[in-house]
Amino acid sequence: MSGHGDGWFEHAPCGLVATTPGGDVVDANGVFLTWMGHAREDVVGRPFASLLDAGSRLFYETRHTQVLHLRGSVEEVALTLVTADGTPLPTLVNSARDEQAGLVRMAVFKATERAQYERELLAARRTAETSEQRVRVLQDVSSSFDVSATDEEVAESFAAAARDAFAARDAAVYLTDDDGELQLKGGTNPLAGKVAPVPSLRNAAEVTVVNADEIGDVYPELAAAMRAERLSSITVTPLLSDGRRLGNLACFFARRTDFDAQYFDLQQALGRQASQTLTRVRLQRRLAFLALHDQLTGVANRQLLQLSLDETIAASAAAGEPLAVLFLDVDDFKSINDAFGHASGDMVLFELAARLTASVRVGDLVGRIGGDEFVAICARADAPAAEAIAERILEVTRAPITVAGGVVSASVSVGISLYLPGIDEQPDAQQLLVRADAAMYSSKRTGKNRLTLAHVGG
C-alpha cells in the first residue's frame, strides 16, 4: 500500500486500510476516512478493532485474526464499523497478509444496501412465521420456497392451498404487473373470458363475498356467468404489502354460502401469508442478484464471471466450439474523474455497462471485474465473430455521454483471448483472463480505442 499522496490510493472505489500484524492502523485512504468521518491522525496508530461495534470487534479479534493467520487472507467478512458520529456502517472486508512489507492490507466495501435487504428479509420472515403459527392448516405452504422460486410458483401453491383449505371448486391468484394490471399467475378462473372484470372486486380492500343470487340487479352479466358455470359464490381477498396491492386471491364455490367469522379470519390469514411469502421470495431473489452482480452497474461481478467462465470453458471443450473472452478497459478514465468528479465517473461506468450489454449477442455475459475494467464471455465465437463483437463495442462506446457539468467522450481498449478446442490446449479461467488482459494492454500501447486478438496457442 502506497502513501496517502497517491491518487489511486486516495480515491479508490473502496476503503483501503493497512495495519500492523497486531491490528494497529498504519494508513487509510481518503475514501475510508470520509466514510468514517475521521481525520487521518484520529485513525492512524489506533487498533482497527476499536473502529468496530461490539459484535464485529469480537469476531475480528477471534475468528478473523485466526483465519488470517492460518490462510494468509480472508474474503468477504461482514463487519460493522462505527463512524465518528456513532452511525453504524455495514461493510464487507477482504484482508491479506503482506509478508514482505510486514503489513495486513484491507479492502473495505460498503454493504449498506445489502444489509437493508437482509433486515427486510428477516422482518418478512418473522411476520410470516407468526402468521403460520396462527393458521396451522396452512403452516407449510410458504416454507418450501427458496431463492429460485418464481412468482408463478408461489401463486400456484397458494391457489392450491386455498382450493383445499376452503373446499373451493376453483381458486386463482392474480398478481399486479408493472403497469398496475392484474395478471393470472396461478390456479384457474372459470369465468375468464366470459365476463368483464368488476372494478370493485379487482380493487377490494378486504375480503369480499359475491353471491350469484344477490347481485343480479347490480352486476347482471356476472350473475348470469356464475349461474352458467354453476357457481353460487365468489370470494376475493386482496394481497397487500405495506399498503401496496400485490394482487388478489379469488375462490369460486359451487354451493358454499356459509361464510362465517372463522372463514374470514382464515381467508385473511391466507392473504397475509401469500403476501408475506411473495415479499420474502422477491427479497431472496434480489439478495441473490446482489451477491452475483455489481451494485453500481448491475452487470455480473467477479464471482459470477469466474463461475460462468469455468462452466463455459468446460462446455466449449466438450462441444469442440470456440470461445472468446473480451477484456475491456476505459481509456483515460482517471481524466474523466478528475474533470467531472467521481459521481459523473460512476454515471459513465453505468452507461458504458449498458452499452456493452447491448453490443454483445444474446447469451453472452458482460461483467465488471473491477474499477473501469469489464469482461465479456462469448461462447461459440471464433475470431471473426469476436472481432465483430469488439468492433460494435468500440463503436457504441465512442458516442458522447452527458453527465453533470458537460459531455464525456469515452472510449475503450479491447483485448480478445480466443480458445479453439482441438487446436489449443484447454486453458483455465485465469489463463484466458490474463491473456485477454495482456491483449488489452497491447491495444493501449498502440493507440487505444482499438482491439487486439490473441489465442491460447498463440
Protein backbone atom coordinates (compact mmCIF):
# COMPACT_ATOMS: atom_id res chain seq x y z
CA MET A 1 0.00 0.00 0.00
CA SER A 2 1.45 3.33 -1.03
CA GLY A 3 1.47 6.55 0.91
CA HIS A 4 -1.62 8.69 1.03
CA GLY A 5 -0.27 11.04 -1.61
CA ASP A 6 -1.01 8.57 -4.39
CA GLY A 7 -4.24 9.44 -6.23
CA TRP A 8 -5.22 5.85 -6.92
CA PHE A 9 -4.90 5.03 -3.24
CA GLU A 10 -6.82 8.07 -2.01
CA HIS A 11 -9.68 7.79 -4.49
CA ALA A 12 -10.02 4.03 -4.96
CA PRO A 13 -13.67 2.86 -5.26
CA CYS A 14 -13.39 1.30 -1.81
CA GLY A 15 -11.80 1.95 1.57
CA LEU A 16 -8.15 0.88 1.82
CA VAL A 17 -6.51 0.29 5.20
CA ALA A 18 -3.13 -1.08 6.25
CA THR A 19 -2.49 -2.41 9.75
CA THR A 20 0.37 -3.99 11.61
CA PRO A 21 0.13 -7.76 12.13
CA GLY A 22 -1.13 -6.87 15.61
CA GLY A 23 -4.03 -4.87 14.17
CA ASP A 24 -2.93 -1.23 14.65
CA VAL A 25 -3.79 1.08 11.74
CA VAL A 26 -0.75 2.24 9.77
CA ASP A 27 -2.55 4.08 6.97
CA ALA A 28 -6.02 4.59 5.49
CA ASN A 29 -7.13 6.21 2.28
CA GLY A 30 -9.35 9.23 1.87
CA VAL A 31 -12.40 7.19 0.90
CA PHE A 32 -12.26 5.23 4.16
CA LEU A 33 -11.67 8.37 6.22
CA THR A 34 -14.60 10.14 4.52
CA TRP A 35 -16.92 7.22 5.25
CA MET A 36 -15.80 7.18 8.87
CA GLY A 37 -15.83 10.96 9.38
CA HIS A 38 -12.35 10.83 10.93
CA ALA A 39 -9.17 12.74 10.23
CA ARG A 40 -6.15 10.60 9.38
CA GLU A 41 -4.46 11.36 12.69
CA ASP A 42 -7.56 10.09 14.53
CA VAL A 43 -7.23 6.68 12.91
CA VAL A 44 -3.53 6.01 12.40
CA GLY A 45 -2.00 4.32 15.42
CA ARG A 46 -5.23 3.03 16.96
CA PRO A 47 -6.39 -0.59 16.81
CA PHE A 48 -8.62 -1.31 13.83
CA ALA A 49 -10.85 -3.25 16.22
CA SER A 50 -11.63 0.00 18.05
CA LEU A 51 -13.44 1.23 14.92
CA LEU A 52 -15.89 -1.70 15.05
CA ASP A 53 -19.08 -2.26 17.00
CA ALA A 54 -19.02 -4.78 19.85
CA GLY A 55 -20.17 -7.82 17.87
CA SER A 56 -17.83 -7.16 14.95
CA ARG A 57 -14.94 -6.44 17.32
CA LEU A 58 -15.34 -9.86 18.93
CA PHE A 59 -15.47 -11.59 15.54
CA TYR A 60 -12.48 -9.59 14.23
CA GLU A 61 -10.30 -10.33 17.24
CA THR A 62 -11.09 -14.05 17.26
CA ARG A 63 -12.27 -15.60 14.03
CA HIS A 64 -10.90 -13.03 11.53
CA THR A 65 -7.46 -12.95 13.12
CA GLN A 66 -7.32 -16.74 13.38
CA VAL A 67 -8.26 -17.37 9.75
CA LEU A 68 -5.88 -14.63 8.54
CA HIS A 69 -3.04 -16.26 10.48
CA LEU A 70 -3.79 -19.74 9.10
CA ARG A 71 -4.62 -18.88 5.49
CA GLY A 72 -2.93 -15.57 4.87
CA SER A 73 -6.13 -13.96 3.60
CA VAL A 74 -9.81 -13.52 4.46
CA GLU A 75 -12.53 -12.62 1.95
CA GLU A 76 -15.99 -11.02 2.24
CA VAL A 77 -16.10 -10.78 6.02
CA ALA A 78 -19.13 -8.81 7.21
CA LEU A 79 -18.04 -6.20 9.77
CA THR A 80 -19.91 -3.18 11.11
CA LEU A 81 -17.81 -0.05 11.55
CA VAL A 82 -18.90 2.82 13.80
CA THR A 83 -18.42 6.27 12.30
CA ALA A 84 -17.32 9.35 14.19
CA ASP A 85 -20.92 10.36 14.87
CA GLY A 86 -21.84 6.89 16.12
CA THR A 87 -23.63 5.72 12.97
CA PRO A 88 -23.17 2.01 12.18
CA LEU A 89 -21.64 1.33 8.75
CA PRO A 90 -22.14 -2.24 7.44
CA THR A 91 -19.18 -3.36 5.31
CA LEU A 92 -17.61 -6.35 3.59
CA VAL A 93 -13.86 -6.63 4.21
CA ASN A 94 -11.13 -8.51 2.32
CA SER A 95 -7.81 -8.85 4.20
CA ALA A 96 -4.44 -10.27 3.17
CA ARG A 97 -1.02 -10.50 4.83
CA ASP A 98 1.88 -8.79 3.05
CA GLU A 99 4.84 -10.69 4.46
CA GLN A 100 7.40 -8.57 2.62
CA ALA A 101 6.04 -5.28 3.96
CA GLY A 102 5.09 -6.71 7.35
CA LEU A 103 1.54 -5.39 6.98
CA VAL A 104 -2.04 -6.57 6.71
CA ARG A 105 -3.78 -4.93 3.76
CA MET A 106 -7.54 -4.49 3.88
CA ALA A 107 -10.10 -3.51 1.25
CA VAL A 108 -13.38 -2.25 2.77
CA PHE A 109 -16.62 -2.18 0.75
CA LYS A 110 -19.88 -0.55 1.82
CA ALA A 111 -22.70 -3.07 2.30
CA THR A 112 -25.46 -0.69 3.39
CA GLU A 113 -27.93 -1.72 0.67
CA ARG A 114 -27.27 -5.42 1.22
CA ALA A 115 -27.77 -5.05 4.99
CA GLN A 116 -31.07 -3.23 4.42
CA TYR A 117 -32.35 -6.05 2.21
CA GLU A 118 -31.28 -8.60 4.83
CA ARG A 119 -33.15 -6.69 7.55
CA GLU A 120 -36.26 -6.51 5.40
CA LEU A 121 -35.95 -10.21 4.61
CA LEU A 122 -35.64 -11.06 8.31
CA ALA A 123 -38.67 -8.91 9.18
CA ALA A 124 -40.69 -10.54 6.39
CA ARG A 125 -39.72 -14.00 7.61
CA ARG A 126 -40.65 -13.21 11.21
CA THR A 127 -44.04 -11.87 10.16
CA ALA A 128 -44.67 -14.95 8.02
CA GLU A 129 -43.72 -17.25 10.91
CA THR A 130 -46.24 -15.52 13.20
CA SER A 131 -48.98 -15.99 10.64
CA GLU A 132 -48.09 -19.66 10.17
CA GLN A 133 -48.41 -20.33 13.89
CA ARG A 134 -51.92 -18.85 13.91
CA VAL A 135 -53.08 -20.76 10.84
CA ARG A 136 -51.96 -24.37 11.26
CA VAL A 137 -53.89 -25.63 8.28
CA LEU A 138 -51.61 -23.52 6.06
CA GLN A 139 -48.42 -23.71 8.14
CA ASP A 140 -46.25 -25.40 5.48
CA VAL A 141 -47.46 -23.59 2.38
CA SER A 142 -44.69 -20.98 2.24
CA SER A 143 -41.77 -22.88 3.78
CA SER A 144 -40.84 -24.75 0.61
CA PHE A 145 -39.90 -21.68 -1.43
CA ASP A 146 -36.20 -20.99 -1.84
CA VAL A 147 -34.20 -18.35 -3.68
CA SER A 148 -35.11 -19.84 -7.08
CA ALA A 149 -38.88 -19.64 -6.53
CA THR A 150 -40.81 -17.65 -9.12
CA ASP A 151 -43.94 -15.57 -8.58
CA GLU A 152 -45.83 -18.14 -10.65
CA GLU A 153 -44.75 -20.99 -8.36
CA VAL A 154 -45.84 -19.06 -5.28
CA ALA A 155 -49.17 -18.13 -6.88
CA GLU A 156 -49.87 -21.71 -7.97
CA SER A 157 -49.07 -23.02 -4.49
CA PHE A 158 -51.40 -20.58 -2.75
CA ALA A 159 -54.18 -21.18 -5.26
CA ALA A 160 -53.93 -24.91 -4.49
CA ALA A 161 -53.81 -24.22 -0.73
CA ALA A 162 -56.93 -22.03 -0.91
CA ARG A 163 -58.78 -24.60 -3.02
CA ASP A 164 -58.02 -27.37 -0.49
CA ALA A 165 -58.42 -25.33 2.71
CA PHE A 166 -61.80 -23.86 1.76
CA ALA A 167 -63.18 -26.73 -0.35
CA ALA A 168 -63.50 -24.34 -3.29
CA ARG A 169 -64.23 -25.64 -6.77
CA ASP A 170 -61.53 -23.39 -8.23
CA ALA A 171 -59.09 -20.80 -6.94
CA ALA A 172 -56.98 -18.22 -8.76
CA VAL A 173 -54.16 -15.88 -7.79
CA TYR A 174 -53.78 -12.64 -9.74
CA LEU A 175 -50.63 -10.53 -9.35
CA THR A 176 -50.17 -6.89 -10.30
CA ASP A 177 -47.76 -6.28 -13.20
CA ASP A 178 -45.53 -3.24 -13.76
CA ASP A 179 -48.44 -1.36 -15.35
CA GLY A 180 -50.73 -1.97 -12.36
CA GLU A 181 -52.83 -4.56 -14.21
CA LEU A 182 -53.82 -7.87 -12.59
CA GLN A 183 -52.50 -10.95 -14.39
CA LEU A 184 -53.47 -14.58 -13.68
CA LYS A 185 -50.35 -16.28 -12.25
CA GLY A 186 -51.69 -19.39 -10.55
CA GLY A 187 -54.80 -21.58 -10.41
CA THR A 188 -57.92 -21.33 -12.58
CA ASN A 189 -60.65 -18.73 -13.06
CA PRO A 190 -63.70 -20.48 -14.56
CA LEU A 191 -65.16 -17.09 -15.58
CA ALA A 192 -62.08 -15.93 -17.51
CA GLY A 193 -63.10 -14.54 -20.91
CA LYS A 194 -66.80 -14.93 -20.15
CA VAL A 195 -67.47 -11.72 -18.24
CA ALA A 196 -65.68 -8.39 -17.92
CA PRO A 197 -63.79 -7.85 -14.64
CA VAL A 198 -65.71 -5.97 -11.97
CA PRO A 199 -63.60 -2.97 -10.83
CA SER A 200 -64.93 -3.03 -7.27
CA LEU A 201 -63.81 -6.64 -6.92
CA ARG A 202 -60.42 -6.06 -8.53
CA ASN A 203 -59.77 -3.20 -6.10
CA ALA A 204 -61.35 -4.74 -2.99
CA ALA A 205 -59.68 -3.54 0.21
CA GLU A 206 -60.85 -6.51 2.32
CA VAL A 207 -62.30 -9.98 1.88
CA THR A 208 -65.39 -9.58 -0.33
CA VAL A 209 -68.13 -12.16 -0.95
CA VAL A 210 -70.24 -12.21 -4.12
CA ASN A 211 -73.39 -14.39 -4.18
CA ALA A 212 -74.99 -15.07 -7.56
CA ASP A 213 -78.50 -14.78 -6.08
CA GLU A 214 -77.83 -11.30 -4.65
CA ILE A 215 -76.03 -9.38 -7.43
CA GLY A 216 -78.45 -9.69 -10.36
CA ASP A 217 -79.60 -6.07 -10.14
CA VAL A 218 -76.09 -4.59 -9.82
CA TYR A 219 -73.99 -6.97 -11.93
CA PRO A 220 -76.40 -8.92 -14.17
CA GLU A 221 -73.67 -10.18 -16.54
CA LEU A 222 -71.60 -11.54 -13.66
CA ALA A 223 -74.64 -13.18 -12.09
CA ALA A 224 -75.55 -14.81 -15.43
CA ALA A 225 -72.00 -16.05 -15.98
CA MET A 226 -71.87 -17.51 -12.47
CA ARG A 227 -75.16 -19.34 -12.97
CA ALA A 228 -73.97 -20.65 -16.34
CA GLU A 229 -70.87 -22.04 -14.64
CA ARG A 230 -72.99 -23.32 -11.72
CA LEU A 231 -71.18 -21.12 -9.23
CA SER A 232 -73.03 -19.94 -6.15
CA SER A 233 -70.37 -17.66 -4.66
CA ILE A 234 -67.01 -15.98 -5.20
CA THR A 235 -64.72 -14.57 -2.54
CA VAL A 236 -61.96 -12.08 -3.34
CA THR A 237 -59.10 -11.45 -0.92
CA PRO A 238 -56.61 -8.63 -1.56
CA LEU A 239 -52.90 -9.41 -1.31
CA LEU A 240 -51.30 -6.36 0.30
CA SER A 241 -47.81 -5.42 1.47
CA ASP A 242 -47.27 -2.15 3.34
CA GLY A 243 -50.48 -0.82 1.82
CA ARG A 244 -49.38 -1.73 -1.71
CA ARG A 245 -51.53 -4.15 -3.71
CA LEU A 246 -49.59 -7.20 -4.85
CA GLY A 247 -52.66 -8.87 -6.31
CA ASN A 248 -55.86 -10.76 -5.43
CA LEU A 249 -56.83 -14.28 -4.39
CA ALA A 250 -60.21 -15.45 -5.74
CA CYS A 251 -62.08 -18.58 -4.62
CA PHE A 252 -65.01 -19.98 -6.61
CA PHE A 253 -67.70 -22.10 -4.90
CA ALA A 254 -70.40 -24.32 -6.38
CA ARG A 255 -72.59 -24.48 -3.25
CA ARG A 256 -71.00 -22.78 -0.27
CA THR A 257 -72.81 -19.79 1.21
CA ASP A 258 -71.96 -20.15 4.92
CA PHE A 259 -69.18 -17.61 5.15
CA ASP A 260 -68.73 -17.16 8.90
CA ALA A 261 -66.19 -15.28 11.03
CA GLN A 262 -63.83 -18.26 11.05
CA TYR A 263 -63.83 -18.35 7.24
CA PHE A 264 -63.00 -14.63 7.02
CA ASP A 265 -60.22 -14.98 9.61
CA LEU A 266 -58.68 -17.89 7.73
CA GLN A 267 -59.07 -16.19 4.35
CA GLN A 268 -57.42 -13.02 5.68
CA ALA A 269 -54.64 -15.10 7.20
CA LEU A 270 -54.05 -16.85 3.88
CA GLY A 271 -53.99 -13.50 2.11
CA ARG A 272 -51.41 -12.18 4.58
CA GLN A 273 -49.32 -15.31 4.26
CA ALA A 274 -49.40 -15.19 0.46
CA SER A 275 -48.37 -11.52 0.54
CA GLN A 276 -45.55 -12.19 3.02
CA THR A 277 -44.31 -15.17 1.04
CA LEU A 278 -44.28 -13.16 -2.19
CA THR A 279 -42.39 -10.38 -0.43
CA ARG A 280 -39.90 -12.86 1.01
CA VAL A 281 -39.11 -14.73 -2.19
CA ARG A 282 -38.77 -11.44 -4.08
CA LEU A 283 -36.32 -10.21 -1.45
CA GLN A 284 -34.45 -13.52 -1.68
CA ARG A 285 -34.19 -13.17 -5.44
CA ARG A 286 -32.97 -9.60 -5.01
CA LEU A 287 -30.31 -10.64 -2.48
CA ALA A 288 -29.18 -13.46 -4.76
CA PHE A 289 -28.89 -10.95 -7.59
CA LEU A 290 -26.86 -8.56 -5.44
CA ALA A 291 -24.50 -11.37 -4.44
CA LEU A 292 -23.56 -12.04 -8.08
CA HIS A 293 -23.89 -8.61 -9.69
CA ASP A 294 -22.04 -5.33 -9.49
CA GLN A 295 -24.05 -2.89 -7.40
CA LEU A 296 -23.07 0.16 -9.47
CA THR A 297 -23.69 -1.13 -12.99
CA GLY A 298 -25.92 -4.17 -12.49
CA VAL A 299 -23.74 -6.41 -14.69
CA ALA A 300 -22.09 -9.61 -13.44
CA ASN A 301 -19.46 -9.22 -10.72
CA ARG A 302 -16.11 -11.00 -10.45
CA GLN A 303 -17.61 -14.02 -8.68
CA LEU A 304 -20.28 -14.63 -11.33
CA LEU A 305 -17.74 -14.08 -14.12
CA GLN A 306 -15.44 -16.70 -12.59
CA LEU A 307 -18.25 -19.24 -12.20
CA SER A 308 -19.56 -18.62 -15.71
CA LEU A 309 -16.12 -18.72 -17.34
CA ASP A 310 -15.27 -22.05 -15.68
CA GLU A 311 -18.55 -23.54 -16.95
CA THR A 312 -18.18 -22.04 -20.43
CA ILE A 313 -14.62 -23.36 -20.88
CA ALA A 314 -15.75 -26.86 -19.94
CA ALA A 315 -18.76 -26.65 -22.27
CA SER A 316 -16.65 -25.32 -25.15
CA ALA A 317 -14.10 -28.09 -24.72
CA ALA A 318 -16.81 -30.77 -24.60
CA ALA A 319 -18.61 -29.43 -27.68
CA GLY A 320 -15.46 -28.54 -29.62
CA GLU A 321 -16.72 -24.96 -30.07
CA PRO A 322 -14.62 -21.79 -29.94
CA LEU A 323 -14.73 -19.38 -27.02
CA ALA A 324 -13.78 -15.70 -26.89
CA VAL A 325 -13.11 -13.65 -23.78
CA LEU A 326 -13.01 -9.88 -24.22
CA PHE A 327 -11.20 -7.72 -21.67
CA LEU A 328 -12.14 -4.03 -21.86
CA ASP A 329 -10.65 -1.01 -20.11
CA VAL A 330 -11.97 2.55 -20.33
CA ASP A 331 -9.35 4.81 -21.89
CA ASP A 332 -8.11 7.65 -19.67
CA PHE A 333 -10.84 7.08 -17.10
CA LYS A 334 -8.86 8.95 -14.44
CA SER A 335 -9.07 12.12 -16.53
CA ILE A 336 -12.88 11.75 -16.60
CA ASN A 337 -12.99 11.54 -12.80
CA ASP A 338 -10.58 14.46 -12.49
CA ALA A 339 -12.55 16.65 -14.89
CA PHE A 340 -16.12 15.82 -13.87
CA GLY A 341 -15.92 14.19 -10.42
CA HIS A 342 -16.39 10.64 -9.21
CA ALA A 343 -20.20 10.79 -9.31
CA SER A 344 -20.04 11.56 -13.03
CA GLY A 345 -17.42 8.85 -13.41
CA ASP A 346 -19.87 6.38 -11.90
CA MET A 347 -22.53 7.55 -14.38
CA VAL A 348 -20.09 6.91 -17.23
CA LEU A 349 -19.41 3.37 -15.97
CA PHE A 350 -23.15 2.72 -15.64
CA GLU A 351 -23.83 3.93 -19.19
CA LEU A 352 -20.89 2.02 -20.67
CA ALA A 353 -22.03 -1.18 -18.94
CA ALA A 354 -25.47 -0.76 -20.55
CA ARG A 355 -23.92 -0.16 -23.96
CA LEU A 356 -21.62 -3.17 -23.61
CA THR A 357 -24.58 -5.37 -22.69
CA ALA A 358 -26.48 -4.14 -25.74
CA SER A 359 -23.46 -4.74 -28.02
CA VAL A 360 -22.87 -8.42 -27.30
CA ARG A 361 -25.02 -11.29 -28.54
CA VAL A 362 -27.94 -12.88 -26.73
CA GLY A 363 -26.43 -15.38 -24.30
CA ASP A 364 -23.11 -13.56 -23.92
CA LEU A 365 -22.24 -12.39 -20.41
CA VAL A 366 -20.89 -8.93 -19.56
CA GLY A 367 -19.36 -8.26 -16.16
CA ARG A 368 -17.36 -5.66 -14.30
CA ILE A 369 -14.17 -7.17 -12.97
CA GLY A 370 -13.15 -4.04 -11.05
CA GLY A 371 -12.67 -0.28 -11.38
CA ASP A 372 -13.11 0.65 -15.05
CA GLU A 373 -12.42 -2.87 -16.35
CA PHE A 374 -15.10 -5.06 -17.93
CA VAL A 375 -15.14 -8.60 -19.31
CA ALA A 376 -17.41 -10.22 -21.90
CA ILE A 377 -17.67 -14.02 -22.20
CA CYS A 378 -18.74 -15.03 -25.70
CA ALA A 379 -19.36 -18.75 -26.22
CA ARG A 380 -19.29 -20.15 -29.79
CA ALA A 381 -17.39 -17.10 -31.01
CA ASP A 382 -14.47 -17.63 -33.39
CA ALA A 383 -12.03 -14.90 -34.42
CA PRO A 384 -14.34 -13.15 -36.95
CA ALA A 385 -17.30 -13.25 -34.53
CA ALA A 386 -15.21 -11.97 -31.63
CA GLU A 387 -13.77 -9.15 -33.71
CA ALA A 388 -17.26 -8.20 -34.92
CA ILE A 389 -18.48 -8.02 -31.31
CA ALA A 390 -15.46 -5.93 -30.31
CA GLU A 391 -15.98 -3.55 -33.26
CA ARG A 392 -19.60 -2.98 -32.18
CA ILE A 393 -18.40 -2.27 -28.66
CA LEU A 394 -15.80 0.22 -29.90
CA GLU A 395 -18.45 1.97 -31.98
CA VAL A 396 -21.11 2.31 -29.29
CA THR A 397 -18.69 3.43 -26.59
CA ARG A 398 -17.46 6.33 -28.72
CA ALA A 399 -20.88 8.01 -28.57
CA PRO A 400 -20.87 11.02 -26.19
CA ILE A 401 -22.24 10.60 -22.67
CA THR A 402 -23.97 13.54 -20.99
CA VAL A 403 -23.07 13.99 -17.32
CA ALA A 404 -23.47 16.75 -14.78
CA GLY A 405 -21.16 19.51 -15.89
CA GLY A 406 -20.72 18.55 -19.52
CA VAL A 407 -20.35 15.80 -22.10
CA VAL A 408 -17.87 12.92 -21.85
CA SER A 409 -16.28 11.35 -24.90
CA ALA A 410 -15.24 7.92 -23.68
CA SER A 411 -13.63 5.02 -25.49
CA VAL A 412 -12.35 1.58 -24.56
CA SER A 413 -9.39 -0.59 -25.41
CA VAL A 414 -10.25 -4.23 -26.05
CA GLY A 415 -8.18 -7.39 -25.73
CA ILE A 416 -9.56 -10.70 -27.05
CA SER A 417 -8.41 -14.10 -25.81
CA LEU A 418 -9.54 -16.89 -28.14
CA TYR A 419 -9.73 -20.59 -27.26
CA LEU A 420 -10.04 -23.06 -30.15
CA PRO A 421 -10.69 -26.63 -28.94
CA GLY A 422 -8.74 -29.23 -30.90
CA ILE A 423 -6.05 -26.67 -31.70
CA ASP A 424 -5.31 -25.08 -28.32
CA GLU A 425 -4.70 -26.85 -25.05
CA GLN A 426 -7.68 -26.34 -22.73
CA PRO A 427 -6.95 -23.28 -20.54
CA ASP A 428 -8.29 -22.38 -17.15
CA ALA A 429 -10.25 -19.19 -16.49
CA GLN A 430 -7.24 -17.31 -15.16
CA GLN A 431 -5.16 -18.06 -18.26
CA LEU A 432 -7.88 -16.75 -20.56
CA LEU A 433 -8.31 -13.59 -18.50
CA VAL A 434 -4.56 -12.93 -18.25
CA ARG A 435 -4.13 -13.36 -22.00
CA ALA A 436 -7.10 -11.08 -22.74
CA ASP A 437 -5.73 -8.52 -20.27
CA ALA A 438 -2.34 -8.60 -22.00
CA ALA A 439 -4.01 -8.15 -25.38
CA MET A 440 -5.95 -5.18 -23.99
CA TYR A 441 -2.71 -3.52 -22.86
CA SER A 442 -1.33 -4.08 -26.36
CA SER A 443 -4.31 -2.09 -27.63
CA LYS A 444 -3.47 0.65 -25.11
CA ARG A 445 0.17 0.80 -26.25
CA THR A 446 -0.74 1.00 -29.93
CA GLY A 447 -3.07 3.96 -29.61
CA LYS A 448 -6.13 2.96 -27.52
CA ASN A 449 -9.72 2.77 -28.81
CA ARG A 450 -8.92 -0.43 -30.69
CA LEU A 451 -8.86 -4.22 -30.35
CA THR A 452 -6.10 -6.81 -30.19
CA LEU A 453 -6.70 -10.56 -30.59
CA ALA A 454 -4.73 -13.43 -29.13
CA HIS A 455 -5.46 -17.11 -28.69
CA VAL A 456 -4.34 -19.72 -26.19
CA GLY A 457 -2.00 -21.40 -28.61
CA GLY A 458 -0.62 -18.12 -29.93
